């Protein structure tokens, strides 16, 4: 059974930092693109950061560039999202996702990802 489990969310003041982690089990993330998405109340789910199967390519939505960093540790089957200089508008449920259906492909669209975690709440107070 494939599972993605996120951790590290919480409440933080504006300007603070959080580090999200996503632990995969039941399948290796090696050779597969991984991504972080978020959904705020009343808004559509959006792609926040994506990392290619090799780790050599990354994508960030414009609103988080320079503040967030995605990284992968294939040996530990985990993906991390370091979030610095957090803003109230970063408040959302953050989801980890895996594109286990394809190898050596990278896409930022949520529809390309076939496994999702349960989500972790990130709340940034002003």
PDB file of N, CA and C in Angstrom:
ATOM      1  N   UNK A   1       0.849  -1.187   0.000  1.00  0.00           N
ATOM      2  CA  UNK A   1       0.000   0.000   0.000  1.00  0.00           C
ATOM      3  C   UNK A   1       0.886   1.239   0.000  1.00  0.00           C
ATOM      4  N   UNK A   2       0.669   2.097  -0.969  1.00  0.00           N
ATOM      5  CA  UNK A   2       1.459   3.313  -1.083  1.00  0.00           C
ATOM      6  C   UNK A   2       0.874   4.397  -0.189  1.00  0.00           C
ATOM      7  N   UNK A   3       1.739   5.019   0.580  1.00  0.00           N
ATOM      8  CA  UNK A   3       1.299   6.112   1.445  1.00  0.00           C
ATOM      9  C   UNK A   3       2.284   7.259   1.388  1.00  0.00           C
ATOM     10  N   UNK A   4       1.751   8.465   1.430  1.00  0.00           N
ATOM     11  CA  UNK A   4       2.541   9.680   1.593  1.00  0.00           C
ATOM     12  C   UNK A   4       2.055  10.352   2.860  1.00  0.00           C
ATOM     13  N   UNK A   5       2.967  10.619   3.775  1.00  0.00           N
ATOM     14  CA  UNK A   5       2.585  11.212   5.058  1.00  0.00           C
ATOM     15  C   UNK A   5       3.362  12.504   5.258  1.00  0.00           C
ATOM     16  N   UNK A   6       2.616  13.600   5.353  1.00  0.00           N
ATOM     17  CA  UNK A   6       3.238  14.905   5.561  1.00  0.00           C
ATOM     18  C   UNK A   6       3.357  15.195   7.057  1.00  0.00           C
ATOM     19  N   UNK A   7       4.333  15.998   7.382  1.00  0.00           N
ATOM     20  CA  UNK A   7       4.504  16.462   8.765  1.00  0.00           C
ATOM     21  C   UNK A   7       5.200  17.812   8.727  1.00  0.00           C
ATOM     22  N   UNK A   8       5.153  18.510   9.856  1.00  0.00           N
ATOM     23  CA  UNK A   8       5.881  19.770   9.981  1.00  0.00           C
ATOM     24  C   UNK A   8       5.040  21.021   9.888  1.00  0.00           C
ATOM     25  N   UNK A   9       3.755  20.873   9.619  1.00  0.00           N
ATOM     26  CA  UNK A   9       2.907  22.051   9.569  1.00  0.00           C
ATOM     27  C   UNK A   9       2.674  22.627  10.952  1.00  0.00           C
ATOM     28  N   UNK A  10       2.026  23.782  10.985  1.00  0.00           N
ATOM     29  CA  UNK A  10       1.740  24.394  12.278  1.00  0.00           C
ATOM     30  C   UNK A  10       1.421  25.858  12.139  1.00  0.00           C
ATOM     31  N   UNK A  11       1.438  26.532  13.283  1.00  0.00           N
ATOM     32  CA  UNK A  11       1.154  27.968  13.358  1.00  0.00           C
ATOM     33  C   UNK A  11       2.466  28.718  13.543  1.00  0.00           C
ATOM     34  N   UNK A  12       2.673  29.718  12.722  1.00  0.00           N
ATOM     35  CA  UNK A  12       3.897  30.504  12.804  1.00  0.00           C
ATOM     36  C   UNK A  12       3.575  31.966  12.516  1.00  0.00           C
ATOM     37  N   UNK A  13       4.353  32.865  13.074  1.00  0.00           N
ATOM     38  CA  UNK A  13       4.168  34.284  12.802  1.00  0.00           C
ATOM     39  C   UNK A  13       4.771  34.653  11.455  1.00  0.00           C
ATOM     40  N   UNK A  14       4.254  35.700  10.875  1.00  0.00           N
ATOM     41  CA  UNK A  14       4.792  36.194   9.609  1.00  0.00           C
ATOM     42  C   UNK A  14       6.297  36.448   9.758  1.00  0.00           C
ATOM     43  N   UNK A  15       7.031  36.029   8.735  1.00  0.00           N
ATOM     44  CA  UNK A  15       8.485  36.146   8.783  1.00  0.00           C
ATOM     45  C   UNK A  15       9.183  34.907   9.309  1.00  0.00           C
ATOM     46  N   UNK A  16       8.415  33.995   9.856  1.00  0.00           N
ATOM     47  CA  UNK A  16       8.986  32.781  10.416  1.00  0.00           C
ATOM     48  C   UNK A  16       9.211  31.702   9.378  1.00  0.00           C
ATOM     49  N   UNK A  17       9.643  30.547   9.862  1.00  0.00           N
ATOM     50  CA  UNK A  17       9.980  29.435   8.978  1.00  0.00           C
ATOM     51  C   UNK A  17       9.326  28.146   9.451  1.00  0.00           C
ATOM     52  N   UNK A  18       9.082  27.277   8.488  1.00  0.00           N
ATOM     53  CA  UNK A  18       8.628  25.921   8.762  1.00  0.00           C
ATOM     54  C   UNK A  18       9.292  24.991   7.753  1.00  0.00           C
ATOM     55  N   UNK A  19       9.476  23.742   8.149  1.00  0.00           N
ATOM     56  CA  UNK A  19      10.007  22.737   7.236  1.00  0.00           C
ATOM     57  C   UNK A  19       9.022  21.581   7.170  1.00  0.00           C
ATOM     58  N   UNK A  20       8.447  21.400   6.013  1.00  0.00           N
ATOM     59  CA  UNK A  20       7.529  20.290   5.795  1.00  0.00           C
ATOM     60  C   UNK A  20       8.290  19.076   5.302  1.00  0.00           C
ATOM     61  N   UNK A  21       7.863  17.910   5.749  1.00  0.00           N
ATOM     62  CA  UNK A  21       8.451  16.666   5.287  1.00  0.00           C
ATOM     63  C   UNK A  21       7.359  15.749   4.755  1.00  0.00           C
ATOM     64  N   UNK A  22       7.724  14.938   3.795  1.00  0.00           N
ATOM     65  CA  UNK A  22       6.803  13.966   3.215  1.00  0.00           C
ATOM     66  C   UNK A  22       7.525  12.625   3.166  1.00  0.00           C
ATOM     67  N   UNK A  23       7.023  11.680   3.913  1.00  0.00           N
ATOM     68  CA  UNK A  23       7.624  10.342   3.951  1.00  0.00           C
ATOM     69  C   UNK A  23       6.778   9.397   3.119  1.00  0.00           C
ATOM     70  N   UNK A  24       7.414   8.770   2.145  1.00  0.00           N
ATOM     71  CA  UNK A  24       6.714   7.819   1.284  1.00  0.00           C
ATOM     72  C   UNK A  24       6.983   6.398   1.754  1.00  0.00           C
ATOM     73  N   UNK A  25       5.969   5.581   1.674  1.00  0.00           N
ATOM     74  CA  UNK A  25       6.131   4.160   1.997  1.00  0.00           C
ATOM     75  C   UNK A  25       5.364   3.330   0.982  1.00  0.00           C
ATOM     76  N   UNK A  26       5.814   2.103   0.800  1.00  0.00           N
ATOM     77  CA  UNK A  26       5.152   1.214  -0.139  1.00  0.00           C
ATOM     78  C   UNK A  26       5.665   1.319  -1.562  1.00  0.00           C
ATOM     79  N   UNK A  27       6.473   2.327  -1.812  1.00  0.00           N
ATOM     80  CA  UNK A  27       7.024   2.519  -3.144  1.00  0.00           C
ATOM     81  C   UNK A  27       8.185   3.499  -3.049  1.00  0.00           C
ATOM     82  N   UNK A  28       9.206   3.274  -3.836  1.00  0.00           N
ATOM     83  CA  UNK A  28      10.344   4.188  -3.827  1.00  0.00           C
ATOM     84  C   UNK A  28      10.053   5.405  -4.685  1.00  0.00           C
ATOM     85  N   UNK A  29      10.514   6.572  -4.199  1.00  0.00           N
ATOM     86  CA  UNK A  29      10.302   7.796  -4.971  1.00  0.00           C
ATOM     87  C   UNK A  29      11.360   7.957  -6.064  1.00  0.00           C
ATOM     88  N   UNK A  30      12.363   7.123  -6.022  1.00  0.00           N
ATOM     89  CA  UNK A  30      13.421   7.205  -7.015  1.00  0.00           C
ATOM     90  C   UNK A  30      12.828   7.085  -8.424  1.00  0.00           C
ATOM     91  N   UNK A  31      13.289   7.929  -9.326  1.00  0.00           N
ATOM     92  CA  UNK A  31      12.851   7.976 -10.728  1.00  0.00           C
ATOM     93  C   UNK A  31      11.502   8.664 -10.919  1.00  0.00           C
ATOM     94  N   UNK A  32      10.968   9.225  -9.864  1.00  0.00           N
ATOM     95  CA  UNK A  32       9.649   9.864  -9.965  1.00  0.00           C
ATOM     96  C   UNK A  32       9.678  11.308  -9.479  1.00  0.00           C
ATOM     97  N   UNK A  33       8.963  12.149 -10.186  1.00  0.00           N
ATOM     98  CA  UNK A  33       8.832  13.542  -9.777  1.00  0.00           C
ATOM     99  C   UNK A  33       7.924  13.654  -8.560  1.00  0.00           C
ATOM    100  N   UNK A  34       8.284  14.548  -7.672  1.00  0.00           N
ATOM    101  CA  UNK A  34       7.507  14.798  -6.452  1.00  0.00           C
ATOM    102  C   UNK A  34       7.137  16.273  -6.387  1.00  0.00           C
ATOM    103  N   UNK A  35       6.020  16.547  -5.742  1.00  0.00           N
ATOM    104  CA  UNK A  35       5.591  17.931  -5.674  1.00  0.00           C
ATOM    105  C   UNK A  35       4.897  18.275  -4.374  1.00  0.00           C
ATOM    106  N   UNK A  36       4.883  19.558  -4.099  1.00  0.00           N
ATOM    107  CA  UNK A  36       4.107  20.116  -2.990  1.00  0.00           C
ATOM    108  C   UNK A  36       3.043  21.040  -3.573  1.00  0.00           C
ATOM    109  N   UNK A  37       1.835  20.876  -3.097  1.00  0.00           N
ATOM    110  CA  UNK A  37       0.703  21.684  -3.523  1.00  0.00           C
ATOM    111  C   UNK A  37       0.050  22.274  -2.287  1.00  0.00           C
ATOM    112  N   UNK A  38      -0.767  23.298  -2.486  1.00  0.00           N
ATOM    113  CA  UNK A  38      -1.487  23.862  -1.357  1.00  0.00           C
ATOM    114  C   UNK A  38      -2.875  24.305  -1.790  1.00  0.00           C
ATOM    115  N   UNK A  39      -3.756  24.334  -0.812  1.00  0.00           N
ATOM    116  CA  UNK A  39      -5.111  24.777  -1.066  1.00  0.00           C
ATOM    117  C   UNK A  39      -5.597  25.601   0.110  1.00  0.00           C
ATOM    118  N   UNK A  40      -5.924  26.842  -0.174  1.00  0.00           N
ATOM    119  CA  UNK A  40      -6.474  27.739   0.832  1.00  0.00           C
ATOM    120  C   UNK A  40      -8.001  27.699   0.744  1.00  0.00           C
ATOM    121  N   UNK A  41      -8.686  28.061   1.817  1.00  0.00           N
ATOM    122  CA  UNK A  41     -10.155  28.042   1.799  1.00  0.00           C
ATOM    123  C   UNK A  41     -10.715  28.874   0.654  1.00  0.00           C
ATOM    124  N   UNK A  42     -11.613  28.286  -0.099  1.00  0.00           N
ATOM    125  CA  UNK A  42     -12.256  29.004  -1.185  1.00  0.00           C
ATOM    126  C   UNK A  42     -11.416  29.156  -2.434  1.00  0.00           C
ATOM    127  N   UNK A  43     -10.234  28.539  -2.438  1.00  0.00           N
ATOM    128  CA  UNK A  43      -9.353  28.661  -3.595  1.00  0.00           C
ATOM    129  C   UNK A  43      -9.052  27.287  -4.186  1.00  0.00           C
ATOM    130  N   UNK A  44      -8.608  27.290  -5.416  1.00  0.00           N
ATOM    131  CA  UNK A  44      -8.227  26.047  -6.058  1.00  0.00           C
ATOM    132  C   UNK A  44      -6.850  25.595  -5.560  1.00  0.00           C
ATOM    133  N   UNK A  45      -6.632  24.279  -5.673  1.00  0.00           N
ATOM    134  CA  UNK A  45      -5.322  23.744  -5.311  1.00  0.00           C
ATOM    135  C   UNK A  45      -4.301  24.243  -6.328  1.00  0.00           C
ATOM    136  N   UNK A  46      -3.145  24.687  -5.808  1.00  0.00           N
ATOM    137  CA  UNK A  46      -2.110  25.185  -6.704  1.00  0.00           C
ATOM    138  C   UNK A  46      -0.786  24.483  -6.437  1.00  0.00           C
ATOM    139  N   UNK A  47      -0.010  24.389  -7.480  1.00  0.00           N
ATOM    140  CA  UNK A  47       1.319  23.823  -7.368  1.00  0.00           C
ATOM    141  C   UNK A  47       2.242  24.831  -6.705  1.00  0.00           C
ATOM    142  N   UNK A  48       2.934  24.421  -5.673  1.00  0.00           N
ATOM    143  CA  UNK A  48       3.852  25.300  -4.947  1.00  0.00           C
ATOM    144  C   UNK A  48       5.290  25.052  -5.395  1.00  0.00           C
ATOM    145  N   UNK A  49       5.702  23.801  -5.378  1.00  0.00           N
ATOM    146  CA  UNK A  49       7.076  23.446  -5.739  1.00  0.00           C
ATOM    147  C   UNK A  49       7.101  22.011  -6.240  1.00  0.00           C
ATOM    148  N   UNK A  50       7.923  21.792  -7.258  1.00  0.00           N
ATOM    149  CA  UNK A  50       8.052  20.463  -7.852  1.00  0.00           C
ATOM    150  C   UNK A  50       9.531  20.168  -8.031  1.00  0.00           C
ATOM    151  N   UNK A  51       9.910  18.928  -7.796  1.00  0.00           N
ATOM    152  CA  UNK A  51      11.300  18.522  -7.997  1.00  0.00           C
ATOM    153  C   UNK A  51      11.332  17.301  -8.905  1.00  0.00           C
ATOM    154  N   UNK A  52      12.204  17.344  -9.897  1.00  0.00           N
ATOM    155  CA  UNK A  52      12.271  16.253 -10.868  1.00  0.00           C
ATOM    156  C   UNK A  52      12.824  14.985 -10.246  1.00  0.00           C
ATOM    157  N   UNK A  53      12.714  13.893 -10.978  1.00  0.00           N
ATOM    158  CA  UNK A  53      13.159  12.588 -10.498  1.00  0.00           C
ATOM    159  C   UNK A  53      14.637  12.575 -10.099  1.00  0.00           C
ATOM    160  N   UNK A  54      15.427  13.379 -10.771  1.00  0.00           N
ATOM    161  CA  UNK A  54      16.861  13.419 -10.489  1.00  0.00           C
ATOM    162  C   UNK A  54      17.221  14.468  -9.451  1.00  0.00           C
ATOM    163  N   UNK A  55      16.304  15.363  -9.194  1.00  0.00           N
ATOM    164  CA  UNK A  55      16.600  16.496  -8.330  1.00  0.00           C
ATOM    165  C   UNK A  55      17.265  17.632  -9.070  1.00  0.00           C
ATOM    166  N   UNK A  56      17.512  17.436 -10.356  1.00  0.00           N
ATOM    167  CA  UNK A  56      18.234  18.437 -11.115  1.00  0.00           C
ATOM    168  C   UNK A  56      17.395  19.601 -11.592  1.00  0.00           C
ATOM    169  N   UNK A  57      16.094  19.435 -11.577  1.00  0.00           N
ATOM    170  CA  UNK A  57      15.197  20.517 -11.984  1.00  0.00           C
ATOM    171  C   UNK A  57      14.155  20.760 -10.909  1.00  0.00           C
ATOM    172  N   UNK A  58      13.858  22.026 -10.702  1.00  0.00           N
ATOM    173  CA  UNK A  58      12.818  22.394  -9.755  1.00  0.00           C
ATOM    174  C   UNK A  58      11.915  23.447 -10.372  1.00  0.00           C
ATOM    175  N   UNK A  59      10.738  23.511  -9.847  1.00  0.00           N
ATOM    176  CA  UNK A  59       9.756  24.535 -10.241  1.00  0.00           C
ATOM    177  C   UNK A  59       9.200  25.154  -8.972  1.00  0.00           C
ATOM    178  N   UNK A  60       9.010  26.470  -9.004  1.00  0.00           N
ATOM    179  CA  UNK A  60       8.362  27.174  -7.899  1.00  0.00           C
ATOM    180  C   UNK A  60       7.321  28.134  -8.469  1.00  0.00           C
ATOM    181  N   UNK A  61       6.187  28.200  -7.829  1.00  0.00           N
ATOM    182  CA  UNK A  61       5.217  29.220  -8.197  1.00  0.00           C
ATOM    183  C   UNK A  61       5.830  30.575  -7.871  1.00  0.00           C
ATOM    184  N   UNK A  62       5.520  31.581  -8.649  1.00  0.00           N
ATOM    185  CA  UNK A  62       6.171  32.881  -8.504  1.00  0.00           C
ATOM    186  C   UNK A  62       6.082  33.436  -7.086  1.00  0.00           C
ATOM    187  N   UNK A  63       4.978  33.213  -6.427  1.00  0.00           N
ATOM    188  CA  UNK A  63       4.756  33.820  -5.109  1.00  0.00           C
ATOM    189  C   UNK A  63       5.680  33.271  -4.019  1.00  0.00           C
ATOM    190  N   UNK A  64       6.365  32.140  -4.272  1.00  0.00           N
ATOM    191  CA  UNK A  64       7.235  31.569  -3.244  1.00  0.00           C
ATOM    192  C   UNK A  64       8.701  31.553  -3.656  1.00  0.00           C
ATOM    193  N   UNK A  65       9.003  31.992  -4.857  1.00  0.00           N
ATOM    194  CA  UNK A  65      10.388  31.990  -5.323  1.00  0.00           C
ATOM    195  C   UNK A  65      11.274  32.822  -4.399  1.00  0.00           C
ATOM    196  N   UNK A  66      12.422  32.253  -4.064  1.00  0.00           N
ATOM    197  CA  UNK A  66      13.343  32.929  -3.169  1.00  0.00           C
ATOM    198  C   UNK A  66      13.046  32.717  -1.698  1.00  0.00           C
ATOM    199  N   UNK A  67      11.894  32.118  -1.387  1.00  0.00           N
ATOM    200  CA  UNK A  67      11.528  31.881   0.009  1.00  0.00           C
ATOM    201  C   UNK A  67      11.410  30.394   0.338  1.00  0.00           C
ATOM    202  N   UNK A  68      10.957  29.608  -0.618  1.00  0.00           N
ATOM    203  CA  UNK A  68      10.760  28.171  -0.399  1.00  0.00           C
ATOM    204  C   UNK A  68      11.821  27.380  -1.164  1.00  0.00           C
ATOM    205  N   UNK A  69      12.183  26.231  -0.602  1.00  0.00           N
ATOM    206  CA  UNK A  69      13.130  25.336  -1.255  1.00  0.00           C
ATOM    207  C   UNK A  69      12.644  23.903  -1.120  1.00  0.00           C
ATOM    208  N   UNK A  70      12.555  23.213  -2.249  1.00  0.00           N
ATOM    209  CA  UNK A  70      12.163  21.815  -2.239  1.00  0.00           C
ATOM    210  C   UNK A  70      13.421  20.963  -2.396  1.00  0.00           C
ATOM    211  N   UNK A  71      13.446  19.847  -1.683  1.00  0.00           N
ATOM    212  CA  UNK A  71      14.603  18.949  -1.756  1.00  0.00           C
ATOM    213  C   UNK A  71      14.118  17.516  -1.579  1.00  0.00           C
ATOM    214  N   UNK A  72      14.885  16.591  -2.126  1.00  0.00           N
ATOM    215  CA  UNK A  72      14.512  15.188  -1.993  1.00  0.00           C
ATOM    216  C   UNK A  72      15.678  14.368  -1.453  1.00  0.00           C
ATOM    217  N   UNK A  73      15.351  13.342  -0.711  1.00  0.00           N
ATOM    218  CA  UNK A  73      16.345  12.416  -0.172  1.00  0.00           C
ATOM    219  C   UNK A  73      15.858  11.017  -0.548  1.00  0.00           C
ATOM    220  N   UNK A  74      16.327  10.534  -1.688  1.00  0.00           N
ATOM    221  CA  UNK A  74      15.844   9.242  -2.163  1.00  0.00           C
ATOM    222  C   UNK A  74      16.242   8.097  -1.233  1.00  0.00           C
ATOM    223  N   UNK A  75      17.375   8.225  -0.577  1.00  0.00           N
ATOM    224  CA  UNK A  75      17.822   7.174   0.343  1.00  0.00           C
ATOM    225  C   UNK A  75      16.847   7.004   1.504  1.00  0.00           C
ATOM    226  N   UNK A  76      16.219   8.126   1.902  1.00  0.00           N
ATOM    227  CA  UNK A  76      15.257   8.073   3.011  1.00  0.00           C
ATOM    228  C   UNK A  76      13.821   8.096   2.500  1.00  0.00           C
ATOM    229  N   UNK A  77      13.672   8.114   1.181  1.00  0.00           N
ATOM    230  CA  UNK A  77      12.334   8.123   0.561  1.00  0.00           C
ATOM    231  C   UNK A  77      11.490   9.290   1.068  1.00  0.00           C
ATOM    232  N   UNK A  78      12.119  10.452   1.148  1.00  0.00           N
ATOM    233  CA  UNK A  78      11.422  11.623   1.675  1.00  0.00           C
ATOM    234  C   UNK A  78      11.637  12.846   0.780  1.00  0.00           C
ATOM    235  N   UNK A  79      10.721  13.776   0.909  1.00  0.00           N
ATOM    236  CA  UNK A  79      10.805  15.060   0.227  1.00  0.00           C
ATOM    237  C   UNK A  79      10.529  16.141   1.265  1.00  0.00           C
ATOM    238  N   UNK A  80      11.257  17.241   1.164  1.00  0.00           N
ATOM    239  CA  UNK A  80      11.096  18.320   2.126  1.00  0.00           C
ATOM    240  C   UNK A  80      10.745  19.614   1.416  1.00  0.00           C
ATOM    241  N   UNK A  81      10.085  20.493   2.163  1.00  0.00           N
ATOM    242  CA  UNK A  81       9.823  21.843   1.681  1.00  0.00           C
ATOM    243  C   UNK A  81      10.214  22.802   2.795  1.00  0.00           C
ATOM    244  N   UNK A  82      11.311  23.501   2.590  1.00  0.00           N
ATOM    245  CA  UNK A  82      11.754  24.520   3.545  1.00  0.00           C
ATOM    246  C   UNK A  82      11.071  25.826   3.185  1.00  0.00           C
ATOM    247  N   UNK A  83      10.351  26.379   4.132  1.00  0.00           N
ATOM    248  CA  UNK A  83       9.591  27.602   3.890  1.00  0.00           C
ATOM    249  C   UNK A  83      10.100  28.688   4.819  1.00  0.00           C
ATOM    250  N   UNK A  84      10.664  29.719   4.243  1.00  0.00           N
ATOM    251  CA  UNK A  84      11.195  30.854   5.000  1.00  0.00           C
ATOM    252  C   UNK A  84      10.416  32.111   4.675  1.00  0.00           C
ATOM    253  N   UNK A  85      10.579  33.100   5.510  1.00  0.00           N
ATOM    254  CA  UNK A  85       9.907  34.397   5.311  1.00  0.00           C
ATOM    255  C   UNK A  85       8.427  34.213   5.019  1.00  0.00           C
ATOM    256  N   UNK A  86       7.792  33.422   5.826  1.00  0.00           N
ATOM    257  CA  UNK A  86       6.388  33.092   5.581  1.00  0.00           C
ATOM    258  C   UNK A  86       5.491  34.316   5.690  1.00  0.00           C
ATOM    259  N   UNK A  87       4.450  34.311   4.873  1.00  0.00           N
ATOM    260  CA  UNK A  87       3.494  35.417   4.817  1.00  0.00           C
ATOM    261  C   UNK A  87       2.093  34.874   5.132  1.00  0.00           C
ATOM    262  N   UNK A  88       1.204  35.732   5.602  1.00  0.00           N
ATOM    263  CA  UNK A  88      -0.166  35.272   5.871  1.00  0.00           C
ATOM    264  C   UNK A  88      -0.812  34.608   4.659  1.00  0.00           C
ATOM    265  N   UNK A  89      -0.469  35.073   3.467  1.00  0.00           N
ATOM    266  CA  UNK A  89      -1.056  34.487   2.263  1.00  0.00           C
ATOM    267  C   UNK A  89      -0.533  33.087   1.955  1.00  0.00           C
ATOM    268  N   UNK A  90       0.452  32.609   2.705  1.00  0.00           N
ATOM    269  CA  UNK A  90       0.917  31.229   2.564  1.00  0.00           C
ATOM    270  C   UNK A  90       0.034  30.259   3.350  1.00  0.00           C
ATOM    271  N   UNK A  91      -0.889  30.793   4.130  1.00  0.00           N
ATOM    272  CA  UNK A  91      -1.772  29.947   4.914  1.00  0.00           C
ATOM    273  C   UNK A  91      -2.602  29.047   4.011  1.00  0.00           C
ATOM    274  N   UNK A  92      -2.529  27.743   4.263  1.00  0.00           N
ATOM    275  CA  UNK A  92      -3.228  26.759   3.426  1.00  0.00           C
ATOM    276  C   UNK A  92      -2.975  25.368   3.984  1.00  0.00           C
ATOM    277  N   UNK A  93      -3.675  24.411   3.431  1.00  0.00           N
ATOM    278  CA  UNK A  93      -3.325  23.012   3.658  1.00  0.00           C
ATOM    279  C   UNK A  93      -2.326  22.628   2.571  1.00  0.00           C
ATOM    280  N   UNK A  94      -1.200  22.095   2.999  1.00  0.00           N
ATOM    281  CA  UNK A  94      -0.143  21.712   2.070  1.00  0.00           C
ATOM    282  C   UNK A  94      -0.162  20.193   1.864  1.00  0.00           C
ATOM    283  N   UNK A  95      -0.092  19.801   0.601  1.00  0.00           N
ATOM    284  CA  UNK A  95      -0.145  18.397   0.231  1.00  0.00           C
ATOM    285  C   UNK A  95       1.117  17.979  -0.496  1.00  0.00           C
ATOM    286  N   UNK A  96       1.588  16.803  -0.163  1.00  0.00           N
ATOM    287  CA  UNK A  96       2.672  16.170  -0.887  1.00  0.00           C
ATOM    288  C   UNK A  96       2.051  15.269  -1.949  1.00  0.00           C
ATOM    289  N   UNK A  97       2.665  15.214  -3.111  1.00  0.00           N
ATOM    290  CA  UNK A  97       2.134  14.383  -4.183  1.00  0.00           C
ATOM    291  C   UNK A  97       3.265  13.704  -4.948  1.00  0.00           C
ATOM    292  N   UNK A  98       2.962  12.545  -5.480  1.00  0.00           N
ATOM    293  CA  UNK A  98       3.941  11.762  -6.238  1.00  0.00           C
ATOM    294  C   UNK A  98       3.383  11.401  -7.600  1.00  0.00           C
ATOM    295  N   UNK A  99       4.219  11.515  -8.604  1.00  0.00           N
ATOM    296  CA  UNK A  99       3.855  11.080  -9.950  1.00  0.00           C
ATOM    297  C   UNK A  99       4.419   9.676 -10.138  1.00  0.00           C
ATOM    298  N   UNK A 100       3.792   8.707  -9.493  1.00  0.00           N
ATOM    299  CA  UNK A 100       4.262   7.326  -9.584  1.00  0.00           C
ATOM    300  C   UNK A 100       3.842   6.654 -10.881  1.00  0.00           C
ATOM    301  N   UNK A 101       2.967   7.316 -11.633  1.00  0.00           N
ATOM    302  CA  UNK A 101       2.501   6.699 -12.865  1.00  0.00           C
ATOM    303  C   UNK A 101       3.487   6.798 -14.013  1.00  0.00           C
ATOM    304  N   UNK A 102       4.466   7.697 -13.863  1.00  0.00           N
ATOM    305  CA  UNK A 102       5.428   7.888 -14.942  1.00  0.00           C
ATOM    306  C   UNK A 102       6.831   7.945 -14.342  1.00  0.00           C
ATOM    307  N   UNK A 103       7.785   7.587 -15.123  1.00  0.00           N
ATOM    308  CA  UNK A 103       9.181   7.751 -14.755  1.00  0.00           C
ATOM    309  C   UNK A 103       9.829   8.805 -15.632  1.00  0.00           C
ATOM    310  N   UNK A 104      10.750   9.525 -15.036  1.00  0.00           N
ATOM    311  CA  UNK A 104      11.576  10.477 -15.780  1.00  0.00           C
ATOM    312  C   UNK A 104      10.731  11.504 -16.529  1.00  0.00           C
ATOM    313  N   UNK A 105       9.646  11.924 -15.883  1.00  0.00           N
ATOM    314  CA  UNK A 105       8.790  12.970 -16.442  1.00  0.00           C
ATOM    315  C   UNK A 105       8.568  14.008 -15.367  1.00  0.00           C
ATOM    316  N   UNK A 106       8.369  15.240 -15.784  1.00  0.00           N
ATOM    317  CA  UNK A 106       8.133  16.313 -14.814  1.00  0.00           C
ATOM    318  C   UNK A 106       6.983  17.169 -15.285  1.00  0.00           C
ATOM    319  N   UNK A 107       6.019  17.367 -14.432  1.00  0.00           N
ATOM    320  CA  UNK A 107       4.855  18.177 -14.739  1.00  0.00           C
ATOM    321  C   UNK A 107       4.445  18.913 -13.473  1.00  0.00           C
ATOM    322  N   UNK A 108       3.902  20.105 -13.612  1.00  0.00           N
ATOM    323  CA  UNK A 108       3.503  20.876 -12.439  1.00  0.00           C
ATOM    324  C   UNK A 108       1.997  20.840 -12.222  1.00  0.00           C
ATOM    325  N   UNK A 109       1.275  20.222 -13.132  1.00  0.00           N
ATOM    326  CA  UNK A 109      -0.179  20.166 -13.003  1.00  0.00           C
ATOM    327  C   UNK A 109      -0.577  19.107 -11.986  1.00  0.00           C
ATOM    328  N   UNK A 110      -1.504  19.452 -11.133  1.00  0.00           N
ATOM    329  CA  UNK A 110      -1.952  18.520 -10.102  1.00  0.00           C
ATOM    330  C   UNK A 110      -2.518  17.240 -10.715  1.00  0.00           C
ATOM    331  N   UNK A 111      -3.120  17.356 -11.858  1.00  0.00           N
ATOM    332  CA  UNK A 111      -3.733  16.197 -12.507  1.00  0.00           C
ATOM    333  C   UNK A 111      -2.714  15.134 -12.921  1.00  0.00           C
ATOM    334  N   UNK A 112      -1.444  15.493 -12.943  1.00  0.00           N
ATOM    335  CA  UNK A 112      -0.394  14.540 -13.328  1.00  0.00           C
ATOM    336  C   UNK A 112       0.047  13.655 -12.173  1.00  0.00           C
ATOM    337  N   UNK A 113      -0.388  13.969 -10.976  1.00  0.00           N
ATOM    338  CA  UNK A 113       0.068  13.260  -9.780  1.00  0.00           C
ATOM    339  C   UNK A 113      -1.007  12.276  -9.331  1.00  0.00           C
ATOM    340  N   UNK A 114      -0.569  11.031  -9.095  1.00  0.00           N
ATOM    341  CA  UNK A 114      -1.554   9.994  -8.809  1.00  0.00           C
ATOM    342  C   UNK A 114      -1.583   9.540  -7.351  1.00  0.00           C
ATOM    343  N   UNK A 115      -0.661  10.015  -6.529  1.00  0.00           N
ATOM    344  CA  UNK A 115      -0.704   9.700  -5.112  1.00  0.00           C
ATOM    345  C   UNK A 115      -0.544  10.983  -4.314  1.00  0.00           C
ATOM    346  N   UNK A 116      -1.365  11.088  -3.269  1.00  0.00           N
ATOM    347  CA  UNK A 116      -1.410  12.299  -2.466  1.00  0.00           C
ATOM    348  C   UNK A 116      -1.393  11.963  -0.977  1.00  0.00           C
ATOM    349  N   UNK A 117      -0.769  12.850  -0.225  1.00  0.00           N
ATOM    350  CA  UNK A 117      -0.840  12.731   1.220  1.00  0.00           C
ATOM    351  C   UNK A 117      -2.143  13.319   1.737  1.00  0.00           C
ATOM    352  N   UNK A 118      -2.311  13.245   3.041  1.00  0.00           N
ATOM    353  CA  UNK A 118      -3.554  13.712   3.649  1.00  0.00           C
ATOM    354  C   UNK A 118      -3.544  15.224   3.881  1.00  0.00           C
ATOM    355  N   UNK A 119      -2.391  15.826   3.788  1.00  0.00           N
ATOM    356  CA  UNK A 119      -2.281  17.271   3.953  1.00  0.00           C
ATOM    357  C   UNK A 119      -1.871  17.665   5.363  1.00  0.00           C
ATOM    358  N   UNK A 120      -1.203  18.799   5.454  1.00  0.00           N
ATOM    359  CA  UNK A 120      -0.812  19.369   6.751  1.00  0.00           C
ATOM    360  C   UNK A 120      -1.115  20.865   6.724  1.00  0.00           C
ATOM    361  N   UNK A 121      -1.706  21.338   7.801  1.00  0.00           N
ATOM    362  CA  UNK A 121      -2.132  22.740   7.860  1.00  0.00           C
ATOM    363  C   UNK A 121      -0.946  23.647   8.190  1.00  0.00           C
ATOM    364  N   UNK A 122      -0.827  24.698   7.414  1.00  0.00           N
ATOM    365  CA  UNK A 122       0.146  25.760   7.692  1.00  0.00           C
ATOM    366  C   UNK A 122      -0.641  27.049   7.877  1.00  0.00           C
ATOM    367  N   UNK A 123      -0.470  27.667   9.037  1.00  0.00           N
ATOM    368  CA  UNK A 123      -1.157  28.910   9.332  1.00  0.00           C
ATOM    369  C   UNK A 123      -0.124  29.966   9.699  1.00  0.00           C
ATOM    370  N   UNK A 124      -0.154  31.073   8.977  1.00  0.00           N
ATOM    371  CA  UNK A 124       0.791  32.161   9.216  1.00  0.00           C
ATOM    372  C   UNK A 124       0.006  33.359   9.726  1.00  0.00           C
ATOM    373  N   UNK A 125       0.310  33.781  10.927  1.00  0.00           N
ATOM    374  CA  UNK A 125      -0.393  34.907  11.528  1.00  0.00           C
ATOM    375  C   UNK A 125       0.356  36.210  11.246  1.00  0.00           C
ATOM    376  N   UNK A 126      -0.409  37.277  11.142  1.00  0.00           N
ATOM    377  CA  UNK A 126       0.201  38.586  10.832  1.00  0.00           C
ATOM    378  C   UNK A 126       0.585  39.320  12.092  1.00  0.00           C
TER     379      UNK A 126
END
